[in-house]
Amino acid sequence: MRLKLVSMFIFLALATGGCGVALPILDGGPNLPTLPSQTEAALPTDTLAPTDTTAPTDTAAPTDTAAPSPTNVEAAAQAAPADYPFVLQTGSPRYLPSFTHPEAGCAWVGVAGQVFDEQKEPLEGVVVLVKGYFNGKIVDAMVLSGLGEAYGPAGYEVQIGDQSADTNNALTLQLVNDKFEPLSEPYSLVTFNDCQKNLILVNFEAKSGSWRIYLPSIGN
């Protein structure tokens, strides 16, 4: 109600402003709240801390150089061919009928040959090993060069079976010394189901005089 009266007086004051009519002052009314000034109303603005526009750049940590992996000596040794003092003589192996056992005919199968030094001279006393399988049987034979005289002064002979058969890499032939240290690599043998190929003739020869290190009792 008071608000309506105030509104009416304001309206009359505006309407009669030019007539010099004085408006009565209302007394005893509630104190109207004083609006804060613009300065007081303004909220204090916190001063922003200066922004460091340049972000600190971390110094890149030094990259460790990859350490070289250790050489696998064992793998390298297996990959590289060993330098054995004896190798197969040119022309070996040869396949022939078993002419040293004519009475056996096709019932003899074997490997034979000779061992020569670096001067192409017969070398006796070298151990010859033949190992593997033939016709379902284990072959594990050891002979000395010089005992198979039918093949020459440094001849050897090993019978591996009594019946021809086709095999591939089932047998190996190798030279060793009296301590069974290898003097040649183990060579794989191939056999045939053919009476005309029952004798495998394989000769060995030394590449140099290094074999004397392994067979000191044989050297001259």
C-alpha atoms as a PDB file:
ATOM      1  CA  MET A   1       0.000   0.000   0.000  1.00  0.00           C
ATOM      2  CA  ARG A   2       2.819   2.346   0.870  1.00  0.00           C
ATOM      3  CA  LEU A   3       4.425   1.631  -2.463  1.00  0.00           C
ATOM      4  CA  LYS A   4       1.232   2.571  -4.271  1.00  0.00           C
ATOM      5  CA  LEU A   5       1.103   5.891  -2.391  1.00  0.00           C
ATOM      6  CA  VAL A   6       4.734   6.651  -3.185  1.00  0.00           C
ATOM      7  CA  SER A   7       4.063   5.915  -6.829  1.00  0.00           C
ATOM      8  CA  MET A   8       1.086   8.269  -6.859  1.00  0.00           C
ATOM      9  CA  PHE A   9       3.072  11.129  -5.300  1.00  0.00           C
ATOM     10  CA  ILE A  10       5.848  10.682  -7.818  1.00  0.00           C
ATOM     11  CA  PHE A  11       3.298  10.762 -10.621  1.00  0.00           C
ATOM     12  CA  LEU A  12       1.703  13.981  -9.233  1.00  0.00           C
ATOM     13  CA  ALA A  13       5.113  15.590  -8.806  1.00  0.00           C
ATOM     14  CA  LEU A  14       5.946  14.909 -12.391  1.00  0.00           C
ATOM     15  CA  ALA A  15       2.559  16.121 -13.529  1.00  0.00           C
ATOM     16  CA  THR A  16       2.596  19.336 -11.480  1.00  0.00           C
ATOM     17  CA  GLY A  17       6.259  20.090 -11.585  1.00  0.00           C
ATOM     18  CA  GLY A  18       5.643  23.280 -13.454  1.00  0.00           C
ATOM     19  CA  CYS A  19       2.995  24.480 -10.973  1.00  0.00           C
ATOM     20  CA  GLY A  20       5.235  24.683  -7.893  1.00  0.00           C
ATOM     21  CA  VAL A  21       3.091  22.240  -5.842  1.00  0.00           C
ATOM     22  CA  ALA A  22       5.119  20.792  -2.956  1.00  0.00           C
ATOM     23  CA  LEU A  23       4.692  17.147  -2.221  1.00  0.00           C
ATOM     24  CA  PRO A  24       4.436  16.054   1.390  1.00  0.00           C
ATOM     25  CA  ILE A  25       7.302  13.985   2.760  1.00  0.00           C
ATOM     26  CA  LEU A  26       6.200  10.670   4.019  1.00  0.00           C
ATOM     27  CA  ASP A  27       7.378  10.102   7.535  1.00  0.00           C
ATOM     28  CA  GLY A  28       7.776   6.991   9.541  1.00  0.00           C
ATOM     29  CA  GLY A  29       8.346   4.743   6.504  1.00  0.00           C
ATOM     30  CA  PRO A  30      10.935   2.037   6.471  1.00  0.00           C
ATOM     31  CA  ASN A  31      14.467   3.077   5.640  1.00  0.00           C
ATOM     32  CA  LEU A  32      15.112   1.969   2.127  1.00  0.00           C
ATOM     33  CA  PRO A  33      18.462   0.239   1.710  1.00  0.00           C
ATOM     34  CA  THR A  34      21.149   2.404   0.221  1.00  0.00           C
ATOM     35  CA  LEU A  35      22.520   0.901  -2.958  1.00  0.00           C
ATOM     36  CA  PRO A  36      26.268   0.679  -2.966  1.00  0.00           C
ATOM     37  CA  SER A  37      28.111   2.994  -5.255  1.00  0.00           C
ATOM     38  CA  GLN A  38      29.722   1.704  -8.391  1.00  0.00           C
ATOM     39  CA  THR A  39      33.092   1.914  -6.724  1.00  0.00           C
ATOM     40  CA  GLU A  40      31.917  -0.040  -3.711  1.00  0.00           C
ATOM     41  CA  ALA A  41      30.092  -2.592  -5.852  1.00  0.00           C
ATOM     42  CA  ALA A  42      33.064  -3.350  -7.956  1.00  0.00           C
ATOM     43  CA  LEU A  43      34.685  -6.527  -6.815  1.00  0.00           C
ATOM     44  CA  PRO A  44      38.400  -6.240  -6.166  1.00  0.00           C
ATOM     45  CA  THR A  45      40.356  -7.744  -8.964  1.00  0.00           C
ATOM     46  CA  ASP A  46      43.229  -9.971  -7.854  1.00  0.00           C
ATOM     47  CA  THR A  47      46.413  -9.050  -9.531  1.00  0.00           C
ATOM     48  CA  LEU A  48      47.362 -11.933 -11.736  1.00  0.00           C
ATOM     49  CA  ALA A  49      50.807 -13.330 -11.249  1.00  0.00           C
ATOM     50  CA  PRO A  50      52.973 -12.630 -14.263  1.00  0.00           C
ATOM     51  CA  THR A  51      52.819 -15.527 -16.651  1.00  0.00           C
ATOM     52  CA  ASP A  52      56.174 -16.948 -17.706  1.00  0.00           C
ATOM     53  CA  THR A  53      55.561 -17.209 -21.389  1.00  0.00           C
ATOM     54  CA  THR A  54      58.759 -19.103 -21.931  1.00  0.00           C
ATOM     55  CA  ALA A  55      58.330 -22.634 -20.644  1.00  0.00           C
ATOM     56  CA  PRO A  56      61.523 -24.028 -19.214  1.00  0.00           C
ATOM     57  CA  THR A  57      63.001 -26.440 -21.648  1.00  0.00           C
ATOM     58  CA  ASP A  58      64.469 -29.528 -20.071  1.00  0.00           C
ATOM     59  CA  THR A  59      67.858 -30.361 -21.415  1.00  0.00           C
ATOM     60  CA  ALA A  60      67.479 -33.591 -23.351  1.00  0.00           C
ATOM     61  CA  ALA A  61      68.969 -36.467 -21.473  1.00  0.00           C
ATOM     62  CA  PRO A  62      71.951 -37.868 -23.324  1.00  0.00           C
ATOM     63  CA  THR A  63      71.021 -40.904 -25.296  1.00  0.00           C
ATOM     64  CA  ASP A  64      73.032 -43.893 -24.270  1.00  0.00           C
ATOM     65  CA  THR A  65      74.834 -45.441 -27.161  1.00  0.00           C
ATOM     66  CA  ALA A  66      73.687 -49.013 -27.471  1.00  0.00           C
ATOM     67  CA  ALA A  67      76.360 -51.259 -26.157  1.00  0.00           C
ATOM     68  CA  PRO A  68      77.531 -53.739 -28.781  1.00  0.00           C
ATOM     69  CA  SER A  69      76.138 -57.152 -28.113  1.00  0.00           C
ATOM     70  CA  PRO A  70      78.805 -59.637 -27.147  1.00  0.00           C
ATOM     71  CA  THR A  71      79.963 -61.808 -29.949  1.00  0.00           C
ATOM     72  CA  ASN A  72      78.607 -65.291 -29.668  1.00  0.00           C
ATOM     73  CA  VAL A  73      81.914 -67.069 -30.010  1.00  0.00           C
ATOM     74  CA  GLU A  74      80.332 -70.481 -29.863  1.00  0.00           C
ATOM     75  CA  ALA A  75      77.847 -69.701 -32.636  1.00  0.00           C
ATOM     76  CA  ALA A  76      80.577 -68.115 -34.737  1.00  0.00           C
ATOM     77  CA  ALA A  77      82.765 -71.156 -34.279  1.00  0.00           C
ATOM     78  CA  GLN A  78      79.933 -73.424 -35.382  1.00  0.00           C
ATOM     79  CA  ALA A  79      79.193 -71.256 -38.421  1.00  0.00           C
ATOM     80  CA  ALA A  80      82.807 -71.091 -39.569  1.00  0.00           C
ATOM     81  CA  PRO A  81      84.285 -74.274 -41.015  1.00  0.00           C
ATOM     82  CA  ALA A  82      87.032 -75.755 -38.862  1.00  0.00           C
ATOM     83  CA  ASP A  83      90.519 -75.789 -40.339  1.00  0.00           C
ATOM     84  CA  TYR A  84      91.235 -79.516 -40.225  1.00  0.00           C
ATOM     85  CA  PRO A  85      94.597 -80.794 -41.501  1.00  0.00           C
ATOM     86  CA  PHE A  86      93.059 -83.530 -43.715  1.00  0.00           C
ATOM     87  CA  VAL A  87      90.555 -83.250 -46.553  1.00  0.00           C
ATOM     88  CA  LEU A  88      89.197 -85.587 -49.205  1.00  0.00           C
ATOM     89  CA  GLN A  89      91.533 -86.220 -52.078  1.00  0.00           C
ATOM     90  CA  THR A  90      90.329 -85.004 -55.453  1.00  0.00           C
ATOM     91  CA  GLY A  91      88.147 -87.671 -57.061  1.00  0.00           C
ATOM     92  CA  SER A  92      86.800 -89.073 -53.785  1.00  0.00           C
ATOM     93  CA  PRO A  93      84.475 -90.770 -53.280  1.00  0.00           C
ATOM     94  CA  ARG A  94      84.405 -93.330 -56.097  1.00  0.00           C
ATOM     95  CA  TYR A  95      81.894 -96.186 -56.362  1.00  0.00           C
ATOM     96  CA  LEU A  96      83.167 -99.597 -57.526  1.00  0.00           C
ATOM     97  CA  PRO A  97      82.254-103.271 -57.293  1.00  0.00           C
ATOM     98  CA  SER A  98      83.756-104.921 -54.192  1.00  0.00           C
ATOM     99  CA  PHE A  99      86.780-106.240 -56.121  1.00  0.00           C
ATOM    100  CA  THR A 100      88.706-107.044 -52.921  1.00  0.00           C
ATOM    101  CA  HIS A 101      86.012-109.568 -51.927  1.00  0.00           C
ATOM    102  CA  PRO A 102      85.076-111.310 -55.159  1.00  0.00           C
ATOM    103  CA  GLU A 103      83.821-114.379 -53.288  1.00  0.00           C
ATOM    104  CA  ALA A 104      81.187-112.294 -51.498  1.00  0.00           C
ATOM    105  CA  GLY A 105      79.731-110.795 -54.638  1.00  0.00           C
ATOM    106  CA  CYS A 106      76.862-108.482 -53.705  1.00  0.00           C
ATOM    107  CA  ALA A 107      76.937-109.617 -50.058  1.00  0.00           C
ATOM    108  CA  TRP A 108      79.712-107.181 -49.123  1.00  0.00           C
ATOM    109  CA  VAL A 109      79.250-103.414 -48.770  1.00  0.00           C
ATOM    110  CA  GLY A 110      81.939-101.183 -47.357  1.00  0.00           C
ATOM    111  CA  VAL A 111      84.142 -98.115 -47.473  1.00  0.00           C
ATOM    112  CA  ALA A 112      87.906 -98.185 -48.045  1.00  0.00           C
ATOM    113  CA  GLY A 113      90.820 -96.094 -49.261  1.00  0.00           C
ATOM    114  CA  GLN A 114      94.164 -94.586 -48.221  1.00  0.00           C
ATOM    115  CA  VAL A 115      95.563 -91.665 -46.217  1.00  0.00           C
ATOM    116  CA  PHE A 116      98.354 -89.480 -47.633  1.00  0.00           C
ATOM    117  CA  ASP A 117     100.514 -86.721 -46.167  1.00  0.00           C
ATOM    118  CA  GLU A 118     101.131 -83.303 -47.739  1.00  0.00           C
ATOM    119  CA  GLN A 119     103.812 -84.826 -49.998  1.00  0.00           C
ATOM    120  CA  LYS A 120     101.327 -87.392 -51.328  1.00  0.00           C
ATOM    121  CA  GLU A 121     103.174 -90.114 -49.421  1.00  0.00           C
ATOM    122  CA  PRO A 122     101.193 -92.922 -47.692  1.00  0.00           C
ATOM    123  CA  LEU A 123     100.577 -92.125 -44.031  1.00  0.00           C
ATOM    124  CA  GLU A 124     100.035 -95.048 -41.681  1.00  0.00           C
ATOM    125  CA  GLY A 125      98.575 -95.120 -38.186  1.00  0.00           C
ATOM    126  CA  VAL A 126      95.772 -92.568 -38.632  1.00  0.00           C
ATOM    127  CA  VAL A 127      92.477 -93.560 -36.982  1.00  0.00           C
ATOM    128  CA  VAL A 128      89.534 -93.904 -39.376  1.00  0.00           C
ATOM    129  CA  LEU A 129      86.001 -93.794 -37.919  1.00  0.00           C
ATOM    130  CA  VAL A 130      82.813 -94.899 -39.655  1.00  0.00           C
ATOM    131  CA  LYS A 131      79.590 -94.259 -37.720  1.00  0.00           C
ATOM    132  CA  GLY A 132      75.868 -94.280 -38.366  1.00  0.00           C
ATOM    133  CA  TYR A 133      73.194 -96.698 -39.552  1.00  0.00           C
ATOM    134  CA  PHE A 134      72.948 -99.071 -42.490  1.00  0.00           C
ATOM    135  CA  ASN A 135      70.032-101.401 -43.268  1.00  0.00           C
ATOM    136  CA  GLY A 136      68.618-100.880 -39.795  1.00  0.00           C
ATOM    137  CA  LYS A 137      71.859-101.715 -37.997  1.00  0.00           C
ATOM    138  CA  ILE A 138      74.222 -99.503 -36.051  1.00  0.00           C
ATOM    139  CA  VAL A 139      77.667 -99.001 -37.570  1.00  0.00           C
ATOM    140  CA  ASP A 140      80.448 -97.956 -35.176  1.00  0.00           C
ATOM    141  CA  ALA A 141      83.808 -99.002 -36.591  1.00  0.00           C
ATOM    142  CA  MET A 142      87.396 -97.874 -36.020  1.00  0.00           C
ATOM    143  CA  VAL A 143      90.459 -98.940 -38.029  1.00  0.00           C
ATOM    144  CA  LEU A 144      93.995 -97.663 -38.640  1.00  0.00           C
ATOM    145  CA  SER A 145      95.375 -96.608 -41.987  1.00  0.00           C
ATOM    146  CA  GLY A 146      98.005 -99.108 -43.113  1.00  0.00           C
ATOM    147  CA  LEU A 147      96.008-102.204 -42.153  1.00  0.00           C
ATOM    148  CA  GLY A 148      94.078-102.422 -45.428  1.00  0.00           C
ATOM    149  CA  GLU A 149      97.026-103.332 -47.613  1.00  0.00           C
ATOM    150  CA  ALA A 150      94.779-104.407 -50.469  1.00  0.00           C
ATOM    151  CA  TYR A 151      94.228-100.689 -51.161  1.00  0.00           C
ATOM    152  CA  GLY A 152      97.850 -99.566 -50.764  1.00  0.00           C
ATOM    153  CA  PRO A 153     100.538 -99.021 -48.101  1.00  0.00           C
ATOM    154  CA  ALA A 154      98.294 -96.698 -46.054  1.00  0.00           C
ATOM    155  CA  GLY A 155      95.070 -98.473 -46.864  1.00  0.00           C
ATOM    156  CA  TYR A 156      92.028 -98.961 -44.614  1.00  0.00           C
ATOM    157  CA  GLU A 157      88.782-100.891 -44.988  1.00  0.00           C
ATOM    158  CA  VAL A 158      85.467-101.007 -43.083  1.00  0.00           C
ATOM    159  CA  GLN A 159      82.587-103.321 -43.934  1.00  0.00           C
ATOM    160  CA  ILE A 160      79.261-101.613 -43.257  1.00  0.00           C
ATOM    161  CA  GLY A 161      76.848-104.319 -44.403  1.00  0.00           C
ATOM    162  CA  ASP A 162      76.152-107.460 -46.400  1.00  0.00           C
ATOM    163  CA  GLN A 163      73.392-106.221 -48.680  1.00  0.00           C
ATOM    164  CA  SER A 164      73.155-103.263 -51.032  1.00  0.00           C
ATOM    165  CA  ALA A 165      70.827-100.441 -49.996  1.00  0.00           C
ATOM    166  CA  ASP A 166      70.024 -96.828 -50.833  1.00  0.00           C
ATOM    167  CA  THR A 167      70.938 -94.460 -47.985  1.00  0.00           C
ATOM    168  CA  ASN A 168      71.675 -90.755 -47.836  1.00  0.00           C
ATOM    169  CA  ASN A 169      73.737 -89.187 -45.037  1.00  0.00           C
ATOM    170  CA  ALA A 170      73.055 -92.106 -42.686  1.00  0.00           C
ATOM    171  CA  LEU A 171      76.805 -92.756 -42.315  1.00  0.00           C
ATOM    172  CA  THR A 172      79.822 -90.528 -41.651  1.00  0.00           C
ATOM    173  CA  LEU A 173      83.531 -91.042 -42.293  1.00  0.00           C
ATOM    174  CA  GLN A 174      86.162 -89.121 -40.341  1.00  0.00           C
ATOM    175  CA  LEU A 175      89.868 -89.124 -39.422  1.00  0.00           C
ATOM    176  CA  VAL A 176      90.911 -88.659 -35.775  1.00  0.00           C
ATOM    177  CA  ASN A 177      94.106 -89.079 -33.782  1.00  0.00           C
ATOM    178  CA  ASP A 178      94.781 -91.476 -30.920  1.00  0.00           C
ATOM    179  CA  LYS A 179      93.035 -89.046 -28.528  1.00  0.00           C
ATOM    180  CA  PHE A 180      89.993 -88.948 -30.806  1.00  0.00           C
ATOM    181  CA  GLU A 181      90.619 -85.326 -31.691  1.00  0.00           C
ATOM    182  CA  PRO A 182      89.251 -84.684 -35.194  1.00  0.00           C
ATOM    183  CA  LEU A 183      91.727 -84.485 -38.052  1.00  0.00           C
ATOM    184  CA  SER A 184      89.037 -84.050 -40.709  1.00  0.00           C
ATOM    185  CA  GLU A 185      85.440 -83.065 -40.776  1.00  0.00           C
ATOM    186  CA  PRO A 186      82.894 -85.919 -40.640  1.00  0.00           C
ATOM    187  CA  TYR A 187      81.987 -86.592 -44.267  1.00  0.00           C
ATOM    188  CA  SER A 188      78.529 -87.953 -45.027  1.00  0.00           C
ATOM    189  CA  LEU A 189      78.317 -91.082 -47.166  1.00  0.00           C
ATOM    190  CA  VAL A 190      75.757 -92.076 -49.761  1.00  0.00           C
ATOM    191  CA  THR A 191      75.149 -95.745 -50.638  1.00  0.00           C
ATOM    192  CA  PHE A 192      73.245 -97.334 -53.494  1.00  0.00           C
ATOM    193  CA  ASN A 193      71.194-100.456 -53.970  1.00  0.00           C
ATOM    194  CA  ASP A 194      73.563-101.529 -56.730  1.00  0.00           C
ATOM    195  CA  CYS A 195      76.136-104.351 -56.628  1.00  0.00           C
ATOM    196  CA  GLN A 196      78.360-102.328 -58.938  1.00  0.00           C
ATOM    197  CA  LYS A 197      78.616 -99.602 -56.291  1.00  0.00           C
ATOM    198  CA  ASN A 198      79.109-101.660 -53.138  1.00  0.00           C
ATOM    199  CA  LEU A 199      82.636-100.365 -52.527  1.00  0.00           C
ATOM    200  CA  ILE A 200      82.954 -96.675 -51.616  1.00  0.00           C
ATOM    201  CA  LEU A 201      86.566 -95.686 -52.244  1.00  0.00           C
ATOM    202  CA  VAL A 202      87.597 -92.575 -50.248  1.00  0.00           C
ATOM    203  CA  ASN A 203      91.145 -91.222 -50.000  1.00  0.00           C
ATOM    204  CA  PHE A 204      92.345 -88.507 -47.601  1.00  0.00           C
ATOM    205  CA  GLU A 205      95.312 -86.178 -47.969  1.00  0.00           C
ATOM    206  CA  ALA A 206      96.937 -83.608 -45.678  1.00  0.00           C
ATOM    207  CA  LYS A 207      96.702 -79.943 -46.630  1.00  0.00           C
ATOM    208  CA  SER A 208     100.025 -79.141 -44.932  1.00  0.00           C
ATOM    209  CA  GLY A 209     102.439 -80.468 -42.353  1.00  0.00           C
ATOM    210  CA  SER A 210     100.102 -79.364 -39.552  1.00  0.00           C
ATOM    211  CA  TRP A 211      99.014 -82.973 -39.085  1.00  0.00           C
ATOM    212  CA  ARG A 212     102.378 -83.623 -37.399  1.00  0.00           C
ATOM    213  CA  ILE A 213     101.213 -81.588 -34.406  1.00  0.00           C
ATOM    214  CA  TYR A 214      98.421 -84.104 -33.889  1.00  0.00           C
ATOM    215  CA  LEU A 215     100.388 -87.230 -34.763  1.00  0.00           C
ATOM    216  CA  PRO A 216     103.911 -86.583 -33.438  1.00  0.00           C
ATOM    217  CA  SER A 217     104.752 -90.266 -33.111  1.00  0.00           C
ATOM    218  CA  ILE A 218     104.106 -90.836 -36.816  1.00  0.00           C
ATOM    219  CA  GLY A 219     106.079 -87.954 -38.299  1.00  0.00           C
ATOM    220  CA  ASN A 220     109.560 -88.615 -39.655  1.00  0.00           C
END
